[in-house]
Amino acid sequence: MREIEPLLTYGHIHFGENKIQEALDKWKDVKNNFENVKLHMIGKLQSNKVKFLFPLFDYLHSLDNIKLAEKISKEQKKLKKRIKIFIQVNIGNEEQKNGIKINELESFYITCVNQLDLNIIGLMCLPPQHQDVRPFFKKIKDLNNSLNLNELSIGMSSDYLDAVEFGSSFVRIGSKIFGARN
């Protein structure tokens, strides 16, 4: 955690983690000592790990299926705690990527909000690699607007400037700040 101490001292409060187990080890004490820190789960979340999400995280950027949505709904009712959630959209319709298909997004969103009482604040996507991200960022922005959502989670170290241009609220620029993961 030494790497983030200067950021914490400076007042930066939003941090992301890809893996729930790593976060449990790293962030409990930090969140106790810095109560304003907001922790974002940005990686794939398996439904059997949902119970670990609520004690530590404030945001989930990767809601990508109904089974996970139902599990989150049950856990939030049990704990009487809601987190802010982004629906992950498979914007490039890629077989190897997770996310809700564009043609299923509206019905999935309505189910999440109306039936499961989830706090959906926006959409997230990972555009196809080695392609111009701009058409995909434009599409996700339009989808976000069509659902009247205010937040948008797009952009990483390689494309965050384009993401900001298309209205991203949250960008994931860890490797530009901390270097490549081990």
Protein backbone atom coordinates (compact mmCIF):
# COMPACT_ATOMS: atom_id res chain seq x y z
CA MET A 1 0.00 0.00 0.00
CA ARG A 2 3.02 2.27 0.10
CA GLU A 3 2.40 3.11 -3.55
CA ILE A 4 -0.91 4.82 -2.82
CA GLU A 5 0.05 6.66 0.39
CA PRO A 6 1.00 9.86 -1.49
CA LEU A 7 -2.34 9.78 -3.30
CA LEU A 8 -4.25 9.28 -0.05
CA THR A 9 -2.35 12.08 1.63
CA TYR A 10 -3.03 14.35 -1.32
CA GLY A 11 -6.75 13.63 -0.99
CA HIS A 12 -7.45 11.24 -3.86
CA ILE A 13 -10.40 9.07 -2.81
CA HIS A 14 -11.40 6.80 -5.72
CA PHE A 15 -9.44 3.57 -6.25
CA GLY A 16 -10.15 0.44 -8.25
CA GLU A 17 -9.36 -3.23 -7.77
CA ASN A 18 -9.55 -6.08 -10.26
CA LYS A 19 -9.61 -8.97 -7.80
CA ILE A 20 -11.71 -9.26 -4.69
CA GLN A 21 -9.21 -11.39 -2.75
CA GLU A 22 -6.41 -8.87 -3.32
CA ALA A 23 -8.69 -6.07 -2.20
CA LEU A 24 -9.61 -7.81 1.03
CA ASP A 25 -5.94 -8.03 1.96
CA LYS A 26 -5.05 -4.48 0.93
CA TRP A 27 -7.96 -2.19 1.65
CA LYS A 28 -9.60 -2.96 4.99
CA ASP A 29 -7.15 -0.91 7.06
CA VAL A 30 -6.98 1.85 4.47
CA LYS A 31 -10.75 2.29 4.48
CA ASN A 32 -10.75 2.32 8.29
CA ASN A 33 -8.07 5.04 8.35
CA PHE A 34 -9.39 7.07 5.41
CA GLU A 35 -13.17 7.06 5.71
CA ASN A 36 -13.72 9.07 2.50
CA VAL A 37 -12.02 6.47 0.29
CA LYS A 38 -14.33 4.90 -2.29
CA LEU A 39 -13.35 1.49 -3.58
CA HIS A 40 -14.43 0.33 -7.04
CA MET A 41 -14.59 -3.32 -8.09
CA ILE A 42 -13.59 -3.07 -11.74
CA GLY A 43 -12.81 -6.71 -12.48
CA LYS A 44 -15.04 -9.68 -13.19
CA LEU A 45 -17.08 -10.61 -10.12
CA GLN A 46 -18.12 -14.21 -9.66
CA SER A 47 -21.48 -14.70 -7.99
CA ASN A 48 -19.91 -16.77 -5.18
CA LYS A 49 -17.82 -13.71 -4.18
CA VAL A 50 -20.73 -11.28 -3.78
CA LYS A 51 -20.65 -11.65 0.02
CA PHE A 52 -17.15 -10.11 -0.01
CA LEU A 53 -18.24 -7.15 -2.14
CA PHE A 54 -20.44 -5.30 0.32
CA PRO A 55 -18.20 -4.88 3.35
CA LEU A 56 -15.46 -3.17 1.33
CA PHE A 57 -16.63 -1.83 -2.02
CA ASP A 58 -18.72 1.22 -2.88
CA TYR A 59 -18.99 0.63 -6.64
CA LEU A 60 -19.22 -2.34 -8.99
CA HIS A 61 -18.28 -1.69 -12.63
CA SER A 62 -18.87 -5.18 -14.02
CA LEU A 63 -22.48 -6.34 -13.61
CA ASP A 64 -22.75 -8.66 -16.59
CA ASN A 65 -25.46 -11.28 -16.00
CA ILE A 66 -28.79 -11.90 -14.30
CA LYS A 67 -27.47 -14.52 -11.85
CA LEU A 68 -25.00 -11.97 -10.48
CA ALA A 69 -27.69 -9.28 -10.34
CA GLU A 70 -30.00 -11.55 -8.34
CA LYS A 71 -27.22 -12.44 -5.92
CA ILE A 72 -26.34 -8.77 -5.38
CA SER A 73 -30.01 -7.96 -4.81
CA LYS A 74 -30.35 -10.65 -2.13
CA GLU A 75 -27.15 -9.58 -0.40
CA GLN A 76 -28.06 -5.89 -0.36
CA LYS A 77 -31.45 -6.69 1.18
CA LYS A 78 -29.83 -8.86 3.81
CA LEU A 79 -27.22 -6.23 4.72
CA LYS A 80 -29.44 -3.19 4.10
CA LYS A 81 -26.64 -1.63 2.04
CA ARG A 82 -26.67 -0.59 -1.62
CA ILE A 83 -23.67 0.02 -3.80
CA LYS A 84 -23.43 1.97 -7.03
CA ILE A 85 -23.44 -0.31 -10.06
CA PHE A 86 -22.44 -0.10 -13.71
CA ILE A 87 -23.80 -2.59 -16.20
CA GLN A 88 -21.03 -4.01 -18.36
CA VAL A 89 -22.04 -4.00 -22.02
CA ASN A 90 -20.37 -6.20 -24.60
CA ILE A 91 -20.10 -3.24 -26.95
CA GLY A 92 -18.14 -5.09 -29.64
CA ASN A 93 -20.27 -8.23 -29.49
CA GLU A 94 -17.11 -10.25 -28.83
CA GLU A 95 -17.50 -13.91 -27.89
CA GLN A 96 -14.53 -13.88 -25.49
CA LYS A 97 -15.76 -10.85 -23.52
CA ASN A 98 -18.30 -10.61 -20.74
CA GLY A 99 -21.15 -8.14 -20.78
CA ILE A 100 -24.77 -7.73 -21.67
CA LYS A 101 -25.53 -7.78 -25.38
CA ILE A 102 -26.75 -4.47 -26.73
CA ASN A 103 -30.11 -5.90 -27.83
CA GLU A 104 -30.71 -7.25 -24.29
CA LEU A 105 -29.55 -4.14 -22.41
CA GLU A 106 -32.85 -2.31 -21.97
CA SER A 107 -34.74 -5.32 -20.59
CA PHE A 108 -31.79 -6.25 -18.35
CA TYR A 109 -31.64 -2.69 -17.01
CA ILE A 110 -35.40 -2.61 -16.31
CA THR A 111 -35.20 -5.94 -14.47
CA CYS A 112 -32.25 -4.74 -12.39
CA VAL A 113 -33.94 -1.51 -11.38
CA ASN A 114 -37.61 -2.47 -11.06
CA GLN A 115 -37.49 -6.07 -9.89
CA LEU A 116 -34.13 -6.32 -8.13
CA ASP A 117 -33.91 -2.75 -6.76
CA LEU A 118 -30.29 -2.32 -7.85
CA ASN A 119 -28.71 1.13 -7.88
CA ILE A 120 -27.68 1.24 -11.54
CA ILE A 121 -25.84 4.51 -12.16
CA GLY A 122 -24.34 3.91 -15.60
CA LEU A 123 -22.81 1.64 -18.20
CA MET A 124 -19.30 0.29 -18.65
CA CYS A 125 -17.61 -1.25 -21.66
CA LEU A 126 -14.27 -2.54 -22.85
CA PRO A 127 -14.00 -1.84 -26.58
CA PRO A 128 -12.33 -4.34 -28.89
CA GLN A 129 -8.54 -4.22 -28.84
CA HIS A 130 -6.59 -2.96 -31.83
CA GLN A 131 -9.54 -0.96 -33.17
CA ASP A 132 -10.46 2.70 -33.01
CA VAL A 133 -12.26 3.10 -29.65
CA ARG A 134 -14.18 6.20 -30.63
CA PRO A 135 -17.14 4.52 -32.39
CA PHE A 136 -17.55 2.18 -29.41
CA PHE A 137 -17.34 5.04 -26.91
CA LYS A 138 -19.93 6.96 -28.93
CA LYS A 139 -22.24 3.92 -28.94
CA ILE A 140 -21.95 3.35 -25.17
CA LYS A 141 -22.54 7.05 -24.51
CA ASP A 142 -25.70 6.93 -26.68
CA LEU A 143 -26.91 3.79 -24.87
CA ASN A 144 -26.21 5.43 -21.50
CA ASN A 145 -28.20 8.50 -22.54
CA SER A 146 -31.09 6.36 -23.83
CA LEU A 147 -31.46 4.90 -20.33
CA ASN A 148 -31.14 8.35 -18.71
CA LEU A 149 -28.08 7.29 -16.75
CA ASN A 150 -25.65 9.93 -15.51
CA GLU A 151 -22.37 8.05 -15.04
CA LEU A 152 -20.17 6.32 -17.60
CA SER A 153 -17.23 3.99 -16.91
CA ILE A 154 -15.04 3.89 -20.00
CA GLY A 155 -11.38 4.38 -20.71
CA MET A 156 -8.13 2.85 -19.56
CA SER A 157 -4.49 3.88 -19.66
CA SER A 158 -4.33 3.57 -23.45
CA ASP A 159 -7.55 5.43 -24.32
CA TYR A 160 -8.60 7.56 -21.36
CA LEU A 161 -8.35 10.86 -23.30
CA ASP A 162 -10.87 9.59 -25.85
CA ALA A 163 -13.06 8.31 -23.02
CA VAL A 164 -13.11 11.71 -21.33
CA GLU A 165 -14.06 13.32 -24.63
CA PHE A 166 -17.10 10.99 -24.74
CA GLY A 167 -18.17 11.86 -21.20
CA SER A 168 -16.57 9.19 -19.04
CA SER A 169 -17.13 9.78 -15.33
CA PHE A 170 -14.63 7.13 -14.28
CA VAL A 171 -11.46 6.07 -16.10
CA ARG A 172 -9.17 3.20 -15.13
CA ILE A 173 -5.61 4.43 -15.49
CA GLY A 174 -3.70 2.24 -13.05
CA SER A 175 -0.81 1.18 -15.27
CA LYS A 176 -0.07 4.79 -16.29
CA ILE A 177 0.24 5.67 -12.61
CA PHE A 178 1.62 2.52 -10.99
CA GLY A 179 3.15 0.65 -13.92
CA ALA A 180 2.26 -2.80 -15.24
CA ARG A 181 0.89 -5.40 -12.83
CA ASN A 182 3.23 -8.12 -11.62
